[in-house]
PDB file of all heavy atoms in Angstrom:
ATOM      1  N   ASP A   1      28.141  -7.191   1.353  1.00  0.00           N
ATOM      2  CA  ASP A   1      29.094  -6.187   1.822  1.00  0.00           C
ATOM      3  C   ASP A   1      29.040  -6.051   3.341  1.00  0.00           C
ATOM      4  O   ASP A   1      30.061  -5.788   3.982  1.00  0.00           O
ATOM      5  CB  ASP A   1      28.773  -4.818   1.193  1.00  0.00           C
ATOM      6  CG  ASP A   1      28.837  -4.859  -0.324  1.00  0.00           C
ATOM      7  OD1 ASP A   1      29.797  -5.451  -0.851  1.00  0.00           O
ATOM      8  OD2 ASP A   1      27.922  -4.310  -0.974  1.00  0.00           O
ATOM      9  N   VAL A   2      27.849  -6.229   3.896  1.00  0.00           N
ATOM     10  CA  VAL A   2      27.639  -6.040   5.335  1.00  0.00           C
ATOM     11  C   VAL A   2      26.740  -7.150   5.862  1.00  0.00           C
ATOM     12  O   VAL A   2      25.769  -7.542   5.209  1.00  0.00           O
ATOM     13  CB  VAL A   2      26.983  -4.666   5.623  1.00  0.00           C
ATOM     14  CG1 VAL A   2      26.719  -4.502   7.114  1.00  0.00           C
ATOM     15  CG2 VAL A   2      27.843  -3.534   5.101  1.00  0.00           C
ATOM     16  N   LYS A   3      27.090  -7.642   7.051  1.00  0.00           N
ATOM     17  CA  LYS A   3      26.233  -8.599   7.754  1.00  0.00           C
ATOM     18  C   LYS A   3      25.807  -7.983   9.095  1.00  0.00           C
ATOM     19  O   LYS A   3      26.633  -7.396   9.792  1.00  0.00           O
ATOM     20  CB  LYS A   3      26.947  -9.930   7.983  1.00  0.00           C
ATOM     21  CG  LYS A   3      27.244 -10.685   6.693  1.00  0.00           C
ATOM     22  CD  LYS A   3      27.891 -12.043   6.975  1.00  0.00           C
ATOM     23  CE  LYS A   3      28.146 -12.800   5.680  1.00  0.00           C
ATOM     24  NZ  LYS A   3      28.755 -14.139   5.917  1.00  0.00           N
ATOM     25  N   VAL A   4      24.529  -8.129   9.410  1.00  0.00           N
ATOM     26  CA  VAL A   4      23.990  -7.576  10.655  1.00  0.00           C
ATOM     27  C   VAL A   4      23.526  -8.742  11.526  1.00  0.00           C
ATOM     28  O   VAL A   4      22.566  -9.445  11.175  1.00  0.00           O
ATOM     29  CB  VAL A   4      22.809  -6.620  10.391  1.00  0.00           C
ATOM     30  CG1 VAL A   4      22.309  -6.022  11.705  1.00  0.00           C
ATOM     31  CG2 VAL A   4      23.225  -5.522   9.419  1.00  0.00           C
ATOM     32  N   ARG A   5      24.217  -8.945  12.636  1.00  0.00           N
ATOM     33  CA  ARG A   5      23.862 -10.018  13.566  1.00  0.00           C
ATOM     34  C   ARG A   5      23.145  -9.405  14.768  1.00  0.00           C
ATOM     35  O   ARG A   5      23.587  -8.381  15.291  1.00  0.00           O
ATOM     36  CB  ARG A   5      25.111 -10.778  13.998  1.00  0.00           C
ATOM     37  CG  ARG A   5      25.827 -11.445  12.824  1.00  0.00           C
ATOM     38  CD  ARG A   5      27.162 -12.038  13.225  1.00  0.00           C
ATOM     39  NE  ARG A   5      27.829 -12.662  12.093  1.00  0.00           N
ATOM     40  CZ  ARG A   5      29.078 -13.107  12.120  1.00  0.00           C
ATOM     41  NH1 ARG A   5      29.804 -12.995  13.233  1.00  0.00           N
ATOM     42  NH2 ARG A   5      29.608 -13.662  11.043  1.00  0.00           N
ATOM     43  N   LEU A   6      22.085 -10.070  15.198  1.00  0.00           N
ATOM     44  CA  LEU A   6      21.238  -9.469  16.235  1.00  0.00           C
ATOM     45  C   LEU A   6      21.027 -10.406  17.414  1.00  0.00           C
ATOM     46  O   LEU A   6      21.045 -11.629  17.281  1.00  0.00           O
ATOM     47  CB  LEU A   6      19.878  -9.083  15.649  1.00  0.00           C
ATOM     48  CG  LEU A   6      19.896  -8.144  14.450  1.00  0.00           C
ATOM     49  CD1 LEU A   6      19.503  -8.897  13.186  1.00  0.00           C
ATOM     50  CD2 LEU A   6      18.993  -6.952  14.661  1.00  0.00           C
ATOM     51  N   HIS A   7      20.808  -9.779  18.568  1.00  0.00           N
ATOM     52  CA  HIS A   7      20.487 -10.516  19.795  1.00  0.00           C
ATOM     53  C   HIS A   7      19.361  -9.765  20.498  1.00  0.00           C
ATOM     54  O   HIS A   7      19.560  -8.649  20.987  1.00  0.00           O
ATOM     55  CB  HIS A   7      21.713 -10.604  20.712  1.00  0.00           C
ATOM     56  CG  HIS A   7      21.530 -11.545  21.866  1.00  0.00           C
ATOM     57  ND1 HIS A   7      22.391 -12.572  22.138  1.00  0.00           N
ATOM     58  CD2 HIS A   7      20.571 -11.606  22.827  1.00  0.00           C
ATOM     59  CE1 HIS A   7      21.978 -13.230  23.202  1.00  0.00           C
ATOM     60  NE2 HIS A   7      20.870 -12.652  23.638  1.00  0.00           N
ATOM     61  N   VAL A   8      18.187 -10.382  20.552  1.00  0.00           N
ATOM     62  CA  VAL A   8      17.035  -9.766  21.223  1.00  0.00           C
ATOM     63  C   VAL A   8      17.025 -10.223  22.671  1.00  0.00           C
ATOM     64  O   VAL A   8      16.829 -11.408  22.960  1.00  0.00           O
ATOM     65  CB  VAL A   8      15.713 -10.149  20.532  1.00  0.00           C
ATOM     66  CG1 VAL A   8      14.528  -9.559  21.283  1.00  0.00           C
ATOM     67  CG2 VAL A   8      15.717  -9.676  19.083  1.00  0.00           C
ATOM     68  N   ASP A   9      17.241  -9.287  23.594  1.00  0.00           N
ATOM     69  CA  ASP A   9      17.175  -9.610  25.018  1.00  0.00           C
ATOM     70  C   ASP A   9      15.741  -9.517  25.532  1.00  0.00           C
ATOM     71  O   ASP A   9      15.322 -10.305  26.378  1.00  0.00           O
ATOM     72  CB  ASP A   9      18.069  -8.654  25.818  1.00  0.00           C
ATOM     73  CG  ASP A   9      19.534  -8.838  25.479  1.00  0.00           C
ATOM     74  OD1 ASP A   9      20.022  -9.981  25.569  1.00  0.00           O
ATOM     75  OD2 ASP A   9      20.192  -7.852  25.113  1.00  0.00           O
ATOM     76  N   ASP A  10      14.997  -8.550  25.028  1.00  0.00           N
ATOM     77  CA  ASP A  10      13.604  -8.355  25.441  1.00  0.00           C
ATOM     78  C   ASP A  10      12.818  -7.714  24.311  1.00  0.00           C
ATOM     79  O   ASP A  10      13.285  -6.764  23.677  1.00  0.00           O
ATOM     80  CB  ASP A  10      13.509  -7.448  26.671  1.00  0.00           C
ATOM     81  CG  ASP A  10      13.224  -8.225  27.947  1.00  0.00           C
ATOM     82  OD1 ASP A  10      12.656  -9.333  27.848  1.00  0.00           O
ATOM     83  OD2 ASP A  10      13.564  -7.730  29.036  1.00  0.00           O
ATOM     84  N   LEU A  11      11.641  -8.232  24.065  1.00  0.00           N
ATOM     85  CA  LEU A  11      10.696  -7.614  23.138  1.00  0.00           C
ATOM     86  C   LEU A  11       9.328  -8.174  23.528  1.00  0.00           C
ATOM     87  O   LEU A  11       8.842  -9.148  22.971  1.00  0.00           O
ATOM     88  CB  LEU A  11      11.043  -7.956  21.682  1.00  0.00           C
ATOM     89  CG  LEU A  11      10.273  -7.192  20.595  1.00  0.00           C
ATOM     90  CD1 LEU A  11      10.383  -5.685  20.775  1.00  0.00           C
ATOM     91  CD2 LEU A  11      10.750  -7.589  19.215  1.00  0.00           C
ATOM     92  N   ILE A  12       8.720  -7.537  24.535  1.00  0.00           N
ATOM     93  CA  ILE A  12       7.537  -8.124  25.142  1.00  0.00           C
ATOM     94  C   ILE A  12       6.594  -7.046  25.656  1.00  0.00           C
ATOM     95  O   ILE A  12       7.042  -5.963  26.086  1.00  0.00           O
ATOM     96  CB  ILE A  12       7.938  -9.075  26.300  1.00  0.00           C
ATOM     97  CG1 ILE A  12       6.746  -9.906  26.781  1.00  0.00           C
ATOM     98  CG2 ILE A  12       8.573  -8.305  27.446  1.00  0.00           C
ATOM     99  CD1 ILE A  12       7.127 -11.041  27.712  1.00  0.00           C
ATOM    100  N   VAL A  13       5.310  -7.328  25.599  1.00  0.00           N
ATOM    101  CA  VAL A  13       4.289  -6.410  26.112  1.00  0.00           C
ATOM    102  C   VAL A  13       4.247  -6.531  27.637  1.00  0.00           C
ATOM    103  O   VAL A  13       4.157  -7.635  28.181  1.00  0.00           O
ATOM    104  CB  VAL A  13       2.911  -6.749  25.520  1.00  0.00           C
ATOM    105  CG1 VAL A  13       1.823  -5.897  26.167  1.00  0.00           C
ATOM    106  CG2 VAL A  13       2.922  -6.552  24.016  1.00  0.00           C
ATOM    107  N   VAL A  14       4.321  -5.384  28.313  1.00  0.00           N
ATOM    108  CA  VAL A  14       4.337  -5.360  29.779  1.00  0.00           C
ATOM    109  C   VAL A  14       3.019  -4.780  30.284  1.00  0.00           C
ATOM    110  O   VAL A  14       2.699  -3.615  30.004  1.00  0.00           O
ATOM    111  CB  VAL A  14       5.523  -4.527  30.312  1.00  0.00           C
ATOM    112  CG1 VAL A  14       5.523  -4.521  31.845  1.00  0.00           C
ATOM    113  CG2 VAL A  14       6.834  -5.079  29.773  1.00  0.00           C
ATOM    114  N   ASP A  15       2.260  -5.612  31.010  1.00  0.00           N
ATOM    115  CA  ASP A  15       1.002  -5.194  31.639  1.00  0.00           C
ATOM    116  C   ASP A  15       0.009  -4.569  30.654  1.00  0.00           C
ATOM    117  O   ASP A  15      -0.811  -3.728  31.031  1.00  0.00           O
ATOM    118  CB  ASP A  15       1.272  -4.207  32.789  1.00  0.00           C
ATOM    119  CG  ASP A  15       2.025  -4.868  33.937  1.00  0.00           C
ATOM    120  OD1 ASP A  15       1.812  -6.077  34.148  1.00  0.00           O
ATOM    121  OD2 ASP A  15       2.808  -4.181  34.616  1.00  0.00           O
ATOM    122  N   GLY A  16       0.129  -4.932  29.373  1.00  0.00           N
ATOM    123  CA  GLY A  16      -0.812  -4.431  28.382  1.00  0.00           C
ATOM    124  C   GLY A  16      -0.687  -2.945  28.100  1.00  0.00           C
ATOM    125  O   GLY A  16      -1.588  -2.360  27.481  1.00  0.00           O
ATOM    126  N   GLN A  17       0.433  -2.309  28.511  1.00  0.00           N
ATOM    127  CA  GLN A  17       0.575  -0.863  28.365  1.00  0.00           C
ATOM    128  C   GLN A  17       1.754  -0.444  27.503  1.00  0.00           C
ATOM    129  O   GLN A  17       1.663   0.520  26.743  1.00  0.00           O
ATOM    130  CB  GLN A  17       0.709  -0.216  29.752  1.00  0.00           C
ATOM    131  CG  GLN A  17      -0.511  -0.430  30.636  1.00  0.00           C
ATOM    132  CD  GLN A  17      -0.341   0.199  32.006  1.00  0.00           C
ATOM    133  OE1 GLN A  17       0.732   0.700  32.344  1.00  0.00           O
ATOM    134  NE2 GLN A  17      -1.394   0.172  32.798  1.00  0.00           N
ATOM    135  N   THR A  18       2.865  -1.154  27.609  1.00  0.00           N
ATOM    136  CA  THR A  18       4.068  -0.776  26.859  1.00  0.00           C
ATOM    137  C   THR A  18       4.722  -2.012  26.236  1.00  0.00           C
ATOM    138  O   THR A  18       4.490  -3.146  26.678  1.00  0.00           O
ATOM    139  CB  THR A  18       5.106  -0.097  27.776  1.00  0.00           C
ATOM    140  OG1 THR A  18       5.472  -1.000  28.844  1.00  0.00           O
ATOM    141  CG2 THR A  18       4.561   1.196  28.359  1.00  0.00           C
ATOM    142  N   LEU A  19       5.530  -1.763  25.222  1.00  0.00           N
ATOM    143  CA  LEU A  19       6.341  -2.800  24.605  1.00  0.00           C
ATOM    144  C   LEU A  19       7.786  -2.543  25.007  1.00  0.00           C
ATOM    145  O   LEU A  19       8.377  -1.543  24.620  1.00  0.00           O
ATOM    146  CB  LEU A  19       6.202  -2.766  23.080  1.00  0.00           C
ATOM    147  CG  LEU A  19       7.016  -3.807  22.304  1.00  0.00           C
ATOM    148  CD1 LEU A  19       6.558  -5.223  22.655  1.00  0.00           C
ATOM    149  CD2 LEU A  19       6.896  -3.572  20.802  1.00  0.00           C
ATOM    150  N   ARG A  20       8.331  -3.439  25.814  1.00  0.00           N
ATOM    151  CA  ARG A  20       9.714  -3.300  26.279  1.00  0.00           C
ATOM    152  C   ARG A  20      10.660  -3.811  25.195  1.00  0.00           C
ATOM    153  O   ARG A  20      10.505  -4.918  24.686  1.00  0.00           O
ATOM    154  CB  ARG A  20       9.932  -4.080  27.571  1.00  0.00           C
ATOM    155  CG  ARG A  20      11.370  -3.979  28.114  1.00  0.00           C
ATOM    156  CD  ARG A  20      11.584  -4.959  29.236  1.00  0.00           C
ATOM    157  NE  ARG A  20      10.779  -4.611  30.400  1.00  0.00           N
ATOM    158  CZ  ARG A  20      10.657  -5.411  31.466  1.00  0.00           C
ATOM    159  NH1 ARG A  20      11.258  -6.597  31.473  1.00  0.00           N
ATOM    160  NH2 ARG A  20       9.922  -5.036  32.492  1.00  0.00           N
ATOM    161  N   VAL A  21      11.671  -2.989  24.869  1.00  0.00           N
ATOM    162  CA  VAL A  21      12.583  -3.309  23.767  1.00  0.00           C
ATOM    163  C   VAL A  21      14.032  -3.261  24.255  1.00  0.00           C
ATOM    164  O   VAL A  21      14.496  -2.225  24.737  1.00  0.00           O
ATOM    165  CB  VAL A  21      12.420  -2.316  22.591  1.00  0.00           C
ATOM    166  CG1 VAL A  21      13.302  -2.732  21.425  1.00  0.00           C
ATOM    167  CG2 VAL A  21      10.960  -2.206  22.175  1.00  0.00           C
ATOM    168  N   ARG A  22      14.720  -4.370  24.125  1.00  0.00           N
ATOM    169  CA  ARG A  22      16.160  -4.436  24.416  1.00  0.00           C
ATOM    170  C   ARG A  22      16.801  -5.319  23.350  1.00  0.00           C
ATOM    171  O   ARG A  22      16.693  -6.545  23.391  1.00  0.00           O
ATOM    172  CB  ARG A  22      16.411  -5.008  25.815  1.00  0.00           C
ATOM    173  CG  ARG A  22      15.952  -4.105  26.955  1.00  0.00           C
ATOM    174  CD  ARG A  22      16.052  -4.788  28.295  1.00  0.00           C
ATOM    175  NE  ARG A  22      15.585  -3.942  29.374  1.00  0.00           N
ATOM    176  CZ  ARG A  22      15.278  -4.387  30.601  1.00  0.00           C
ATOM    177  NH1 ARG A  22      15.418  -5.683  30.881  1.00  0.00           N
ATOM    178  NH2 ARG A  22      14.847  -3.559  31.533  1.00  0.00           N
ATOM    179  N   ILE A  23      17.450  -4.676  22.396  1.00  0.00           N
ATOM    180  CA  ILE A  23      18.043  -5.391  21.262  1.00  0.00           C
ATOM    181  C   ILE A  23      19.483  -4.940  21.080  1.00  0.00           C
ATOM    182  O   ILE A  23      19.772  -3.743  21.061  1.00  0.00           O
ATOM    183  CB  ILE A  23      17.255  -5.132  19.965  1.00  0.00           C
ATOM    184  CG1 ILE A  23      15.788  -5.547  20.137  1.00  0.00           C
ATOM    185  CG2 ILE A  23      17.881  -5.894  18.796  1.00  0.00           C
ATOM    186  CD1 ILE A  23      14.914  -5.195  18.949  1.00  0.00           C
ATOM    187  N   ARG A  24      20.377  -5.891  20.946  1.00  0.00           N
ATOM    188  CA  ARG A  24      21.779  -5.596  20.624  1.00  0.00           C
ATOM    189  C   ARG A  24      22.063  -6.119  19.215  1.00  0.00           C
ATOM    190  O   ARG A  24      21.491  -7.124  18.801  1.00  0.00           O
ATOM    191  CB  ARG A  24      22.714  -6.285  21.622  1.00  0.00           C
ATOM    192  CG  ARG A  24      22.639  -5.730  23.046  1.00  0.00           C
ATOM    193  CD  ARG A  24      23.484  -6.554  23.989  1.00  0.00           C
ATOM    194  NE  ARG A  24      22.860  -7.841  24.299  1.00  0.00           N
ATOM    195  CZ  ARG A  24      23.546  -8.937  24.622  1.00  0.00           C
ATOM    196  NH1 ARG A  24      24.878  -8.939  24.596  1.00  0.00           N
ATOM    197  NH2 ARG A  24      22.901 -10.050  24.913  1.00  0.00           N
ATOM    198  N   TRP A  25      22.924  -5.411  18.518  1.00  0.00           N
ATOM    199  CA  TRP A  25      23.298  -5.895  17.182  1.00  0.00           C
ATOM    200  C   TRP A  25      24.723  -5.499  16.846  1.00  0.00           C
ATOM    201  O   TRP A  25      25.291  -4.564  17.436  1.00  0.00           O
ATOM    202  CB  TRP A  25      22.323  -5.398  16.119  1.00  0.00           C
ATOM    203  CG  TRP A  25      22.442  -3.973  15.699  1.00  0.00           C
ATOM    204  CD1 TRP A  25      23.190  -3.460  14.678  1.00  0.00           C
ATOM    205  CD2 TRP A  25      21.803  -2.838  16.308  1.00  0.00           C
ATOM    206  NE1 TRP A  25      23.046  -2.110  14.598  1.00  0.00           N
ATOM    207  CE2 TRP A  25      22.189  -1.696  15.576  1.00  0.00           C
ATOM    208  CE3 TRP A  25      20.926  -2.689  17.382  1.00  0.00           C
ATOM    209  CZ2 TRP A  25      21.757  -0.421  15.902  1.00  0.00           C
ATOM    210  CZ3 TRP A  25      20.485  -1.424  17.713  1.00  0.00           C
ATOM    211  CH2 TRP A  25      20.893  -0.311  16.970  1.00  0.00           C
ATOM    212  N   ALA A  26      25.292  -6.236  15.896  1.00  0.00           N
ATOM    213  CA  ALA A  26      26.666  -5.990  15.447  1.00  0.00           C
ATOM    214  C   ALA A  26      26.682  -5.873  13.935  1.00  0.00           C
ATOM    215  O   ALA A  26      26.017  -6.635  13.231  1.00  0.00           O
ATOM    216  CB  ALA A  26      27.588  -7.120  15.894  1.00  0.00           C
ATOM    217  N   ILE A  27      27.431  -4.922  13.448  1.00  0.00           N
ATOM    218  CA  ILE A  27      27.624  -4.742  12.010  1.00  0.00           C
ATOM    219  C   ILE A  27      29.007  -5.255  11.641  1.00  0.00           C
ATOM    220  O   ILE A  27      30.017  -4.791  12.177  1.00  0.00           O
ATOM    221  CB  ILE A  27      27.473  -3.260  11.609  1.00  0.00           C
ATOM    222  CG1 ILE A  27      26.012  -2.843  11.775  1.00  0.00           C
ATOM    223  CG2 ILE A  27      27.936  -3.040  10.173  1.00  0.00           C
ATOM    224  CD1 ILE A  27      25.748  -1.412  11.408  1.00  0.00           C
ATOM    225  N   VAL A  28      29.031  -6.217  10.755  1.00  0.00           N
ATOM    226  CA  VAL A  28      30.292  -6.812  10.304  1.00  0.00           C
ATOM    227  C   VAL A  28      30.484  -6.438   8.839  1.00  0.00           C
ATOM    228  O   VAL A  28      29.668  -6.811   7.978  1.00  0.00           O
ATOM    229  CB  VAL A  28      30.269  -8.350  10.463  1.00  0.00           C
ATOM    230  CG1 VAL A  28      31.595  -8.943   9.992  1.00  0.00           C
ATOM    231  CG2 VAL A  28      29.967  -8.737  11.896  1.00  0.00           C
ATOM    232  N   ARG A  29      31.539  -5.687   8.551  1.00  0.00           N
ATOM    233  CA  ARG A  29      31.831  -5.262   7.175  1.00  0.00           C
ATOM    234  C   ARG A  29      32.751  -6.293   6.538  1.00  0.00           C
ATOM    235  O   ARG A  29      33.882  -6.500   6.980  1.00  0.00           O
ATOM    236  CB  ARG A  29      32.462  -3.869   7.169  1.00  0.00           C
ATOM    237  CG  ARG A  29      31.547  -2.818   7.805  1.00  0.00           C
ATOM    238  CD  ARG A  29      32.137  -1.431   7.754  1.00  0.00           C
ATOM    239  NE  ARG A  29      31.334  -0.483   8.525  1.00  0.00           N
ATOM    240  CZ  ARG A  29      30.270   0.176   8.075  1.00  0.00           C
ATOM    241  NH1 ARG A  29      29.889  -0.014   6.823  1.00  0.00           N
ATOM    242  NH2 ARG A  29      29.608   1.008   8.852  1.00  0.00           N
ATOM    243  N   MET A  30      32.259  -6.950   5.511  1.00  0.00           N
ATOM    244  CA  MET A  30      33.004  -8.029   4.877  1.00  0.00           C
ATOM    245  C   MET A  30      34.200  -7.474   4.103  1.00  0.00           C
ATOM    246  O   MET A  30      34.128  -6.399   3.510  1.00  0.00           O
ATOM    247  CB  MET A  30      32.085  -8.811   3.937  1.00  0.00           C
ATOM    248  CG  MET A  30      30.792  -9.276   4.603  1.00  0.00           C
ATOM    249  SD  MET A  30      31.051 -10.171   6.159  1.00  0.00           S
ATOM    250  CE  MET A  30      31.924 -11.606   5.548  1.00  0.00           C
ATOM    251  N   GLY A  31      35.300  -8.202   4.131  1.00  0.00           N
ATOM    252  CA  GLY A  31      36.506  -7.786   3.440  1.00  0.00           C
ATOM    253  C   GLY A  31      37.251  -6.679   4.145  1.00  0.00           C
ATOM    254  O   GLY A  31      38.115  -6.029   3.545  1.00  0.00           O
ATOM    255  N   SER A  32      36.914  -6.436   5.404  1.00  0.00           N
ATOM    256  CA  SER A  32      37.573  -5.384   6.172  1.00  0.00           C
ATOM    257  C   SER A  32      38.203  -5.985   7.423  1.00  0.00           C
ATOM    258  O   SER A  32      37.689  -6.951   7.994  1.00  0.00           O
ATOM    259  CB  SER A  32      36.566  -4.300   6.567  1.00  0.00           C
ATOM    260  OG  SER A  32      37.153  -3.382   7.467  1.00  0.00           O
ATOM    261  N   ASP A  33      39.311  -5.391   7.839  1.00  0.00           N
ATOM    262  CA  ASP A  33      39.985  -5.870   9.046  1.00  0.00           C
ATOM    263  C   ASP A  33      39.447  -5.202  10.311  1.00  0.00           C
ATOM    264  O   ASP A  33      39.873  -5.537  11.415  1.00  0.00           O
ATOM    265  CB  ASP A  33      41.500  -5.598   8.950  1.00  0.00           C
ATOM    266  CG  ASP A  33      42.142  -6.415   7.827  1.00  0.00           C
ATOM    267  OD1 ASP A  33      41.610  -7.505   7.530  1.00  0.00           O
ATOM    268  OD2 ASP A  33      43.156  -5.965   7.266  1.00  0.00           O
ATOM    269  N   THR A  34      38.534  -4.271  10.159  1.00  0.00           N
ATOM    270  CA  THR A  34      37.995  -3.576  11.331  1.00  0.00           C
ATOM    271  C   THR A  34      37.104  -4.527  12.132  1.00  0.00           C
ATOM    272  O   THR A  34      36.383  -5.357  11.563  1.00  0.00           O
ATOM    273  CB  THR A  34      37.175  -2.347  10.906  1.00  0.00           C
ATOM    274  OG1 THR A  34      36.097  -2.776  10.048  1.00  0.00           O
ATOM    275  CG2 THR A  34      38.048  -1.362  10.163  1.00  0.00           C
ATOM    276  N   PRO A  35      37.117  -4.417  13.469  1.00  0.00           N
ATOM    277  CA  PRO A  35      36.271  -5.292  14.298  1.00  0.00           C
ATOM    278  C   PRO A  35      34.793  -4.968  14.106  1.00  0.00           C
ATOM    279  O   PRO A  35      34.426  -3.909  13.575  1.00  0.00           O
ATOM    280  CB  PRO A  35      36.736  -4.980  15.725  1.00  0.00           C
ATOM    281  CG  PRO A  35      37.329  -3.600  15.653  1.00  0.00           C
ATOM    282  CD  PRO A  35      37.930  -3.493  14.287  1.00  0.00           C
ATOM    283  N   ALA A  36      33.963  -5.866  14.547  1.00  0.00           N
ATOM    284  CA  ALA A  36      32.515  -5.665  14.457  1.00  0.00           C
ATOM    285  C   ALA A  36      32.105  -4.428  15.250  1.00  0.00           C
ATOM    286  O   ALA A  36      32.630  -4.161  16.330  1.00  0.00           O
ATOM    287  CB  ALA A  36      31.791  -6.899  14.982  1.00  0.00           C
ATOM    288  N   GLU A  37      31.175  -3.672  14.704  1.00  0.00           N
ATOM    289  CA  GLU A  37      30.670  -2.476  15.374  1.00  0.00           C
ATOM    290  C   GLU A  37      29.431  -2.859  16.183  1.00  0.00           C
ATOM    291  O   GLU A  37      28.477  -3.427  15.651  1.00  0.00           O
ATOM    292  CB  GLU A  37      30.313  -1.416  14.329  1.00  0.00           C
ATOM    293  CG  GLU A  37      31.483  -1.069  13.410  1.00  0.00           C
ATOM    294  CD  GLU A  37      31.034  -0.363  12.144  1.00  0.00           C
ATOM    295  OE1 GLU A  37      29.960   0.287  12.166  1.00  0.00           O
ATOM    296  OE2 GLU A  37      31.741  -0.475  11.120  1.00  0.00           O
ATOM    297  N   LEU A  38      29.455  -2.548  17.486  1.00  0.00           N
ATOM    298  CA  LEU A  38      28.403  -2.981  18.393  1.00  0.00           C
ATOM    299  C   LEU A  38      27.457  -1.834  18.724  1.00  0.00           C
ATOM    300  O   LEU A  38      27.884  -0.709  18.994  1.00  0.00           O
ATOM    301  CB  LEU A  38      29.017  -3.540  19.682  1.00  0.00           C
ATOM    302  CG  LEU A  38      30.059  -4.666  19.491  1.00  0.00           C
ATOM    303  CD1 LEU A  38      30.594  -5.113  20.834  1.00  0.00           C
ATOM    304  CD2 LEU A  38      29.450  -5.835  18.723  1.00  0.00           C
ATOM    305  N   TYR A  39      26.154  -2.144  18.744  1.00  0.00           N
ATOM    306  CA  TYR A  39      25.123  -1.143  19.024  1.00  0.00           C
ATOM    307  C   TYR A  39      24.044  -1.767  19.906  1.00  0.00           C
ATOM    308  O   TYR A  39      23.966  -2.995  20.039  1.00  0.00           O
ATOM    309  CB  TYR A  39      24.503  -0.622  17.727  1.00  0.00           C
ATOM    310  CG  TYR A  39      25.490   0.012  16.779  1.00  0.00           C
ATOM    311  CD1 TYR A  39      26.183  -0.766  15.837  1.00  0.00           C
ATOM    312  CD2 TYR A  39      25.742   1.377  16.828  1.00  0.00           C
ATOM    313  CE1 TYR A  39      27.094  -0.191  14.967  1.00  0.00           C
ATOM    314  CE2 TYR A  39      26.656   1.959  15.955  1.00  0.00           C
ATOM    315  CZ  TYR A  39      27.330   1.169  15.033  1.00  0.00           C
ATOM    316  OH  TYR A  39      28.228   1.745  14.173  1.00  0.00           O
ATOM    317  N   ALA A  40      23.219  -0.908  20.480  1.00  0.00           N
ATOM    318  CA  ALA A  40      22.133  -1.403  21.329  1.00  0.00           C
ATOM    319  C   ALA A  40      20.932  -0.470  21.241  1.00  0.00           C
ATOM    320  O   ALA A  40      21.060   0.733  21.002  1.00  0.00           O
ATOM    321  CB  ALA A  40      22.592  -1.523  22.772  1.00  0.00           C
ATOM    322  N   MET A  41      19.760  -1.045  21.417  1.00  0.00           N
ATOM    323  CA  MET A  41      18.497  -0.310  21.422  1.00  0.00           C
ATOM    324  C   MET A  41      17.770  -0.695  22.716  1.00  0.00           C
ATOM    325  O   MET A  41      17.495  -1.876  22.955  1.00  0.00           O
ATOM    326  CB  MET A  41      17.665  -0.687  20.197  1.00  0.00           C
ATOM    327  CG  MET A  41      16.334   0.005  20.079  1.00  0.00           C
ATOM    328  SD  MET A  41      15.484  -0.558  18.552  1.00  0.00           S
ATOM    329  CE  MET A  41      14.014   0.457  18.588  1.00  0.00           C
TER     330      MET A  41
END
């Protein structure tokens, strides 16, 4: 019913203190004419 496509721009430990997270993803609803819904973290 739904496909989730992802693009990881960053997911890495920085200086041993933090985990940097930059992820984009799109939700594609199958059988629907609506465009993909875009999100980011």
